[in-house]
Amino acid sequence: LFFLLMPRTIHKTEQPVVLEGYQAVLKPSKFGYSLAALVDQSMVDVLEDDRVESLKWAESKLKNPKRSTLKPEPWEEVTEGQYKVKFSWNEEARPPVVDTEGTIIADDNTPMYAGSRVKLAFYQKPYILRDGVTYGTSLKLVGVQLVSLNTAAGVDTGDMSTEDVAALFGKTEGFKASEPNVTSTVTIPDGDEDDF
């Protein structure tokens, strides 16, 4: 597998995204380092446009374009408008992982598991396999900002704002501070009056 050089566009998730599935971000598994997260349709739209340019460039370098094999895009739709993006790397290409103040997270035991929220910076890179006919694009992580942890004990939100907390839960039916709808939990069946 060799990668080709071309100008890079760094993509950034403006809002935190959720880690999904098995993670090996700070400490490698037996398969090395990996991160998988969910991104929305707007990010995939940008990546699709970017992929067109990357593939054009790769196609110009193929030995035999008519016999070439294009690999699928490096994201996969998991639910309507939600896509899983996967990254993997080795020790030499390890992206920095920082906290919300930009401080490097040095503790490999920080529990960055599925459900944790992060911001990602990455680029899409064209590749051609050594066979000279198989090609595609992959996503390469530039950096990760850990926004909140999801551990077995719960979510460590640090000092999240009320907007962040509200966004964490989303909207649901029920109690509204602006319109409290108090319902009584005491019911008195008809005809049962106290005879005292």
C-alpha atoms as a PDB file:
ATOM      1  CA  LEU A   1       0.000   0.000   0.000  1.00  0.00           C
ATOM      2  CA  PHE A   2       1.454   3.335  -0.876  1.00  0.00           C
ATOM      3  CA  PHE A   3      -0.026   6.763  -0.511  1.00  0.00           C
ATOM      4  CA  LEU A   4       0.124   9.553  -3.014  1.00  0.00           C
ATOM      5  CA  LEU A   5       0.990  13.150  -2.304  1.00  0.00           C
ATOM      6  CA  MET A   6      -1.492  15.858  -3.124  1.00  0.00           C
ATOM      7  CA  PRO A   7      -2.794  18.968  -1.350  1.00  0.00           C
ATOM      8  CA  ARG A   8      -4.698  18.136   1.841  1.00  0.00           C
ATOM      9  CA  THR A   9      -7.969  19.589   3.002  1.00  0.00           C
ATOM     10  CA  ILE A  10      -8.299  19.285   6.764  1.00  0.00           C
ATOM     11  CA  HIS A  11     -11.874  18.482   7.802  1.00  0.00           C
ATOM     12  CA  LYS A  12     -13.030  19.304  11.320  1.00  0.00           C
ATOM     13  CA  THR A  13     -16.158  18.290  13.189  1.00  0.00           C
ATOM     14  CA  GLU A  14     -17.434  21.646  14.458  1.00  0.00           C
ATOM     15  CA  GLN A  15     -19.699  19.943  17.000  1.00  0.00           C
ATOM     16  CA  PRO A  16     -18.571  16.998  19.123  1.00  0.00           C
ATOM     17  CA  VAL A  17     -19.255  13.575  17.614  1.00  0.00           C
ATOM     18  CA  VAL A  18     -19.876  10.325  19.489  1.00  0.00           C
ATOM     19  CA  LEU A  19     -17.399   7.461  19.504  1.00  0.00           C
ATOM     20  CA  GLU A  20     -19.082   4.302  18.235  1.00  0.00           C
ATOM     21  CA  GLY A  21     -17.957   0.708  18.694  1.00  0.00           C
ATOM     22  CA  TYR A  22     -14.545  -0.549  19.788  1.00  0.00           C
ATOM     23  CA  GLN A  23     -11.923   2.145  20.443  1.00  0.00           C
ATOM     24  CA  ALA A  24      -8.117   1.914  20.788  1.00  0.00           C
ATOM     25  CA  VAL A  25      -7.257   5.612  20.806  1.00  0.00           C
ATOM     26  CA  LEU A  26      -4.703   6.097  23.586  1.00  0.00           C
ATOM     27  CA  LYS A  27      -3.533   2.496  23.919  1.00  0.00           C
ATOM     28  CA  PRO A  28      -3.203   0.094  20.963  1.00  0.00           C
ATOM     29  CA  SER A  29      -5.113  -3.181  20.750  1.00  0.00           C
ATOM     30  CA  LYS A  30      -3.392  -6.213  19.199  1.00  0.00           C
ATOM     31  CA  PHE A  31      -4.462  -4.711  15.848  1.00  0.00           C
ATOM     32  CA  GLY A  32      -2.947  -1.294  16.585  1.00  0.00           C
ATOM     33  CA  TYR A  33      -4.669   2.018  17.195  1.00  0.00           C
ATOM     34  CA  SER A  34      -8.189   2.770  15.989  1.00  0.00           C
ATOM     35  CA  LEU A  35     -11.058   5.194  16.421  1.00  0.00           C
ATOM     36  CA  ALA A  36     -14.605   5.038  15.047  1.00  0.00           C
ATOM     37  CA  ALA A  37     -17.174   7.812  15.369  1.00  0.00           C
ATOM     38  CA  LEU A  38     -20.543   8.895  13.999  1.00  0.00           C
ATOM     39  CA  VAL A  39     -20.712  11.932  11.717  1.00  0.00           C
ATOM     40  CA  ASP A  40     -23.740  13.518  10.093  1.00  0.00           C
ATOM     41  CA  GLN A  41     -24.865  13.926   6.488  1.00  0.00           C
ATOM     42  CA  SER A  42     -23.341  17.403   6.116  1.00  0.00           C
ATOM     43  CA  MET A  43     -19.839  16.043   6.884  1.00  0.00           C
ATOM     44  CA  VAL A  44     -20.311  13.148   4.456  1.00  0.00           C
ATOM     45  CA  ASP A  45     -21.476  15.579   1.738  1.00  0.00           C
ATOM     46  CA  VAL A  46     -18.170  17.464   2.118  1.00  0.00           C
ATOM     47  CA  LEU A  47     -16.199  14.191   2.141  1.00  0.00           C
ATOM     48  CA  GLU A  48     -17.970  12.969  -1.000  1.00  0.00           C
ATOM     49  CA  ASP A  49     -17.003  16.150  -2.891  1.00  0.00           C
ATOM     50  CA  ASP A  50     -13.436  15.821  -1.598  1.00  0.00           C
ATOM     51  CA  ARG A  51     -13.345  12.124  -2.633  1.00  0.00           C
ATOM     52  CA  VAL A  52     -14.191  12.975  -6.250  1.00  0.00           C
ATOM     53  CA  GLU A  53     -11.046  15.135  -6.504  1.00  0.00           C
ATOM     54  CA  SER A  54      -8.895  12.547  -4.690  1.00  0.00           C
ATOM     55  CA  LEU A  55     -10.083   9.737  -6.968  1.00  0.00           C
ATOM     56  CA  LYS A  56      -9.454  11.776 -10.131  1.00  0.00           C
ATOM     57  CA  TRP A  57      -5.912  12.272  -8.965  1.00  0.00           C
ATOM     58  CA  ALA A  58      -5.448   8.551  -8.153  1.00  0.00           C
ATOM     59  CA  GLU A  59      -6.988   7.484 -11.474  1.00  0.00           C
ATOM     60  CA  SER A  60      -4.382   9.556 -13.332  1.00  0.00           C
ATOM     61  CA  LYS A  61      -1.669   7.403 -11.655  1.00  0.00           C
ATOM     62  CA  LEU A  62      -3.192   3.928 -12.287  1.00  0.00           C
ATOM     63  CA  LYS A  63      -1.257   1.452 -14.476  1.00  0.00           C
ATOM     64  CA  ASN A  64      -4.393   0.275 -16.304  1.00  0.00           C
ATOM     65  CA  PRO A  65      -7.493   2.375 -15.481  1.00  0.00           C
ATOM     66  CA  LYS A  66      -9.823   0.028 -17.443  1.00  0.00           C
ATOM     67  CA  ARG A  67      -8.853  -2.911 -15.201  1.00  0.00           C
ATOM     68  CA  SER A  68      -8.802  -0.985 -11.940  1.00  0.00           C
ATOM     69  CA  THR A  69     -10.823  -1.776  -8.818  1.00  0.00           C
ATOM     70  CA  LEU A  70     -12.283   1.094  -6.793  1.00  0.00           C
ATOM     71  CA  LYS A  71     -12.643   0.380  -3.074  1.00  0.00           C
ATOM     72  CA  PRO A  72     -15.766   1.673  -1.253  1.00  0.00           C
ATOM     73  CA  GLU A  73     -15.694   5.022   0.525  1.00  0.00           C
ATOM     74  CA  PRO A  74     -14.206   5.034   4.046  1.00  0.00           C
ATOM     75  CA  TRP A  75     -17.560   5.724   5.730  1.00  0.00           C
ATOM     76  CA  GLU A  76     -20.684   3.680   6.112  1.00  0.00           C
ATOM     77  CA  GLU A  77     -24.293   4.741   6.717  1.00  0.00           C
ATOM     78  CA  VAL A  78     -25.517   3.204   9.988  1.00  0.00           C
ATOM     79  CA  THR A  79     -28.876   4.995  10.314  1.00  0.00           C
ATOM     80  CA  GLU A  80     -30.609   7.698   8.288  1.00  0.00           C
ATOM     81  CA  GLY A  81     -28.159  10.624   8.020  1.00  0.00           C
ATOM     82  CA  GLN A  82     -25.611   9.066  10.446  1.00  0.00           C
ATOM     83  CA  TYR A  83     -22.363   7.610   9.154  1.00  0.00           C
ATOM     84  CA  LYS A  84     -19.589   5.694  10.849  1.00  0.00           C
ATOM     85  CA  VAL A  85     -16.073   6.857  10.005  1.00  0.00           C
ATOM     86  CA  LYS A  86     -13.092   4.710  10.978  1.00  0.00           C
ATOM     87  CA  PHE A  87      -9.469   5.638  11.463  1.00  0.00           C
ATOM     88  CA  SER A  88      -6.434   3.482  12.206  1.00  0.00           C
ATOM     89  CA  TRP A  89      -2.780   4.350  12.652  1.00  0.00           C
ATOM     90  CA  ASN A  90       0.534   3.094  13.966  1.00  0.00           C
ATOM     91  CA  GLU A  91       2.758   4.526  16.717  1.00  0.00           C
ATOM     92  CA  GLU A  92       4.717   6.716  14.270  1.00  0.00           C
ATOM     93  CA  ALA A  93       1.557   8.355  12.914  1.00  0.00           C
ATOM     94  CA  ARG A  94      -0.170   8.737  16.297  1.00  0.00           C
ATOM     95  CA  PRO A  95      -2.380  11.855  16.287  1.00  0.00           C
ATOM     96  CA  PRO A  96      -2.303  14.092  19.364  1.00  0.00           C
ATOM     97  CA  VAL A  97      -5.276  13.747  21.731  1.00  0.00           C
ATOM     98  CA  VAL A  98      -6.037  16.885  23.741  1.00  0.00           C
ATOM     99  CA  ASP A  99      -8.562  17.939  26.367  1.00  0.00           C
ATOM    100  CA  THR A 100     -10.981  20.871  26.054  1.00  0.00           C
ATOM    101  CA  GLU A 101      -8.198  23.320  26.967  1.00  0.00           C
ATOM    102  CA  GLY A 102      -5.761  21.940  24.398  1.00  0.00           C
ATOM    103  CA  THR A 103      -3.589  20.041  26.903  1.00  0.00           C
ATOM    104  CA  ILE A 104      -2.188  16.737  25.620  1.00  0.00           C
ATOM    105  CA  ILE A 105      -3.795  13.733  27.345  1.00  0.00           C
ATOM    106  CA  ALA A 106      -0.775  11.704  28.419  1.00  0.00           C
ATOM    107  CA  ASP A 107      -2.588   9.086  30.536  1.00  0.00           C
ATOM    108  CA  ASP A 108      -3.039   6.009  28.282  1.00  0.00           C
ATOM    109  CA  ASN A 109      -5.627   4.686  30.747  1.00  0.00           C
ATOM    110  CA  THR A 110      -8.081   7.537  30.104  1.00  0.00           C
ATOM    111  CA  PRO A 111     -11.246   5.552  29.276  1.00  0.00           C
ATOM    112  CA  MET A 112     -12.116   6.799  25.770  1.00  0.00           C
ATOM    113  CA  TYR A 113     -14.857   4.279  25.030  1.00  0.00           C
ATOM    114  CA  ALA A 114     -17.960   4.201  22.842  1.00  0.00           C
ATOM    115  CA  GLY A 115     -20.286   7.040  23.849  1.00  0.00           C
ATOM    116  CA  SER A 116     -17.470   9.481  24.623  1.00  0.00           C
ATOM    117  CA  ARG A 117     -17.753  12.776  22.732  1.00  0.00           C
ATOM    118  CA  VAL A 118     -14.860  14.141  20.690  1.00  0.00           C
ATOM    119  CA  LYS A 119     -14.015  16.670  18.032  1.00  0.00           C
ATOM    120  CA  LEU A 120     -11.968  15.309  15.137  1.00  0.00           C
ATOM    121  CA  ALA A 121      -9.584  16.856  12.609  1.00  0.00           C
ATOM    122  CA  PHE A 122      -8.705  14.643   9.644  1.00  0.00           C
ATOM    123  CA  TYR A 123      -8.065  14.545   5.930  1.00  0.00           C
ATOM    124  CA  GLN A 124      -8.965  12.206   3.103  1.00  0.00           C
ATOM    125  CA  LYS A 125      -6.090  10.649   1.215  1.00  0.00           C
ATOM    126  CA  PRO A 126      -6.087   8.773  -2.103  1.00  0.00           C
ATOM    127  CA  TYR A 127      -4.182   5.486  -2.319  1.00  0.00           C
ATOM    128  CA  ILE A 128      -3.231   2.857  -4.870  1.00  0.00           C
ATOM    129  CA  LEU A 129      -2.304  -0.631  -3.684  1.00  0.00           C
ATOM    130  CA  ARG A 130       1.002  -2.166  -4.822  1.00  0.00           C
ATOM    131  CA  ASP A 131      -0.886  -4.142  -7.470  1.00  0.00           C
ATOM    132  CA  GLY A 132      -1.293  -0.832  -9.311  1.00  0.00           C
ATOM    133  CA  VAL A 133      -5.006  -1.425  -9.993  1.00  0.00           C
ATOM    134  CA  THR A 134      -6.795  -1.288  -6.607  1.00  0.00           C
ATOM    135  CA  TYR A 135      -7.415   2.253  -5.395  1.00  0.00           C
ATOM    136  CA  GLY A 136      -9.602   4.387  -3.158  1.00  0.00           C
ATOM    137  CA  THR A 137      -9.430   6.909  -0.353  1.00  0.00           C
ATOM    138  CA  SER A 138      -8.828   6.586   3.365  1.00  0.00           C
ATOM    139  CA  LEU A 139      -9.308   8.987   6.253  1.00  0.00           C
ATOM    140  CA  LYS A 140      -6.254  10.049   8.277  1.00  0.00           C
ATOM    141  CA  LEU A 141      -6.629  11.543  11.730  1.00  0.00           C
ATOM    142  CA  VAL A 142      -4.724  14.779  12.420  1.00  0.00           C
ATOM    143  CA  GLY A 143      -5.919  15.272  15.996  1.00  0.00           C
ATOM    144  CA  VAL A 144      -8.625  14.515  18.556  1.00  0.00           C
ATOM    145  CA  GLN A 145     -10.139  16.738  21.241  1.00  0.00           C
ATOM    146  CA  LEU A 146     -11.823  14.828  24.047  1.00  0.00           C
ATOM    147  CA  VAL A 147     -14.981  16.731  25.070  1.00  0.00           C
ATOM    148  CA  SER A 148     -16.602  14.213  27.451  1.00  0.00           C
ATOM    149  CA  LEU A 149     -15.911  10.679  28.608  1.00  0.00           C
ATOM    150  CA  ASN A 150     -18.458   7.918  28.757  1.00  0.00           C
ATOM    151  CA  THR A 151     -17.300   5.455  31.389  1.00  0.00           C
ATOM    152  CA  ALA A 152     -19.100   2.607  33.121  1.00  0.00           C
ATOM    153  CA  ALA A 153     -19.611   5.014  36.024  1.00  0.00           C
ATOM    154  CA  GLY A 154     -21.349   7.546  33.800  1.00  0.00           C
ATOM    155  CA  VAL A 155     -20.440  10.579  31.771  1.00  0.00           C
ATOM    156  CA  ASP A 156     -17.631  12.851  32.921  1.00  0.00           C
ATOM    157  CA  THR A 157     -18.783  16.137  31.470  1.00  0.00           C
ATOM    158  CA  GLY A 158     -16.145  18.279  33.166  1.00  0.00           C
ATOM    159  CA  ASP A 159     -17.573  21.774  33.236  1.00  0.00           C
ATOM    160  CA  MET A 160     -20.162  21.518  30.454  1.00  0.00           C
ATOM    161  CA  SER A 161     -22.405  24.492  29.808  1.00  0.00           C
ATOM    162  CA  THR A 162     -26.174  24.189  30.145  1.00  0.00           C
ATOM    163  CA  GLU A 163     -26.399  24.218  26.335  1.00  0.00           C
ATOM    164  CA  ASP A 164     -23.988  21.258  26.158  1.00  0.00           C
ATOM    165  CA  VAL A 165     -26.002  19.351  28.754  1.00  0.00           C
ATOM    166  CA  ALA A 166     -29.248  20.152  26.924  1.00  0.00           C
ATOM    167  CA  ALA A 167     -27.697  18.955  23.656  1.00  0.00           C
ATOM    168  CA  LEU A 168     -26.522  15.785  25.389  1.00  0.00           C
ATOM    169  CA  PHE A 169     -30.082  14.699  26.145  1.00  0.00           C
ATOM    170  CA  GLY A 170     -31.925  16.262  23.225  1.00  0.00           C
ATOM    171  CA  LYS A 171     -35.671  16.963  23.460  1.00  0.00           C
ATOM    172  CA  THR A 172     -38.202  14.544  24.858  1.00  0.00           C
ATOM    173  CA  GLU A 173     -41.811  14.607  26.006  1.00  0.00           C
ATOM    174  CA  GLY A 174     -42.318  15.558  29.628  1.00  0.00           C
ATOM    175  CA  PHE A 175     -41.492  18.241  32.135  1.00  0.00           C
ATOM    176  CA  LYS A 176     -40.880  21.775  30.855  1.00  0.00           C
ATOM    177  CA  ALA A 177     -39.735  24.479  33.243  1.00  0.00           C
ATOM    178  CA  SER A 178     -41.803  26.998  31.253  1.00  0.00           C
ATOM    179  CA  GLU A 179     -45.055  24.992  31.508  1.00  0.00           C
ATOM    180  CA  PRO A 180     -45.092  22.717  34.527  1.00  0.00           C
ATOM    181  CA  ASN A 181     -47.952  20.224  34.195  1.00  0.00           C
ATOM    182  CA  VAL A 182     -48.219  18.804  37.681  1.00  0.00           C
ATOM    183  CA  THR A 183     -50.349  15.684  37.944  1.00  0.00           C
ATOM    184  CA  SER A 184     -51.641  14.362  41.235  1.00  0.00           C
ATOM    185  CA  THR A 185     -50.479  10.912  42.286  1.00  0.00           C
ATOM    186  CA  VAL A 186     -53.330  10.551  44.828  1.00  0.00           C
ATOM    187  CA  THR A 187     -56.579   9.159  43.456  1.00  0.00           C
ATOM    188  CA  ILE A 188     -59.807   9.005  45.440  1.00  0.00           C
ATOM    189  CA  PRO A 189     -62.251   6.461  44.020  1.00  0.00           C
ATOM    190  CA  ASP A 190     -65.836   7.739  43.661  1.00  0.00           C
ATOM    191  CA  GLY A 191     -68.129   6.936  46.573  1.00  0.00           C
ATOM    192  CA  ASP A 192     -65.327   6.092  49.029  1.00  0.00           C
ATOM    193  CA  GLU A 193     -65.762   8.774  51.650  1.00  0.00           C
ATOM    194  CA  ASP A 194     -64.333   8.568  55.116  1.00  0.00           C
ATOM    195  CA  ASP A 195     -66.893   7.572  57.721  1.00  0.00           C
ATOM    196  CA  PHE A 196     -65.380   9.205  60.785  1.00  0.00           C
END
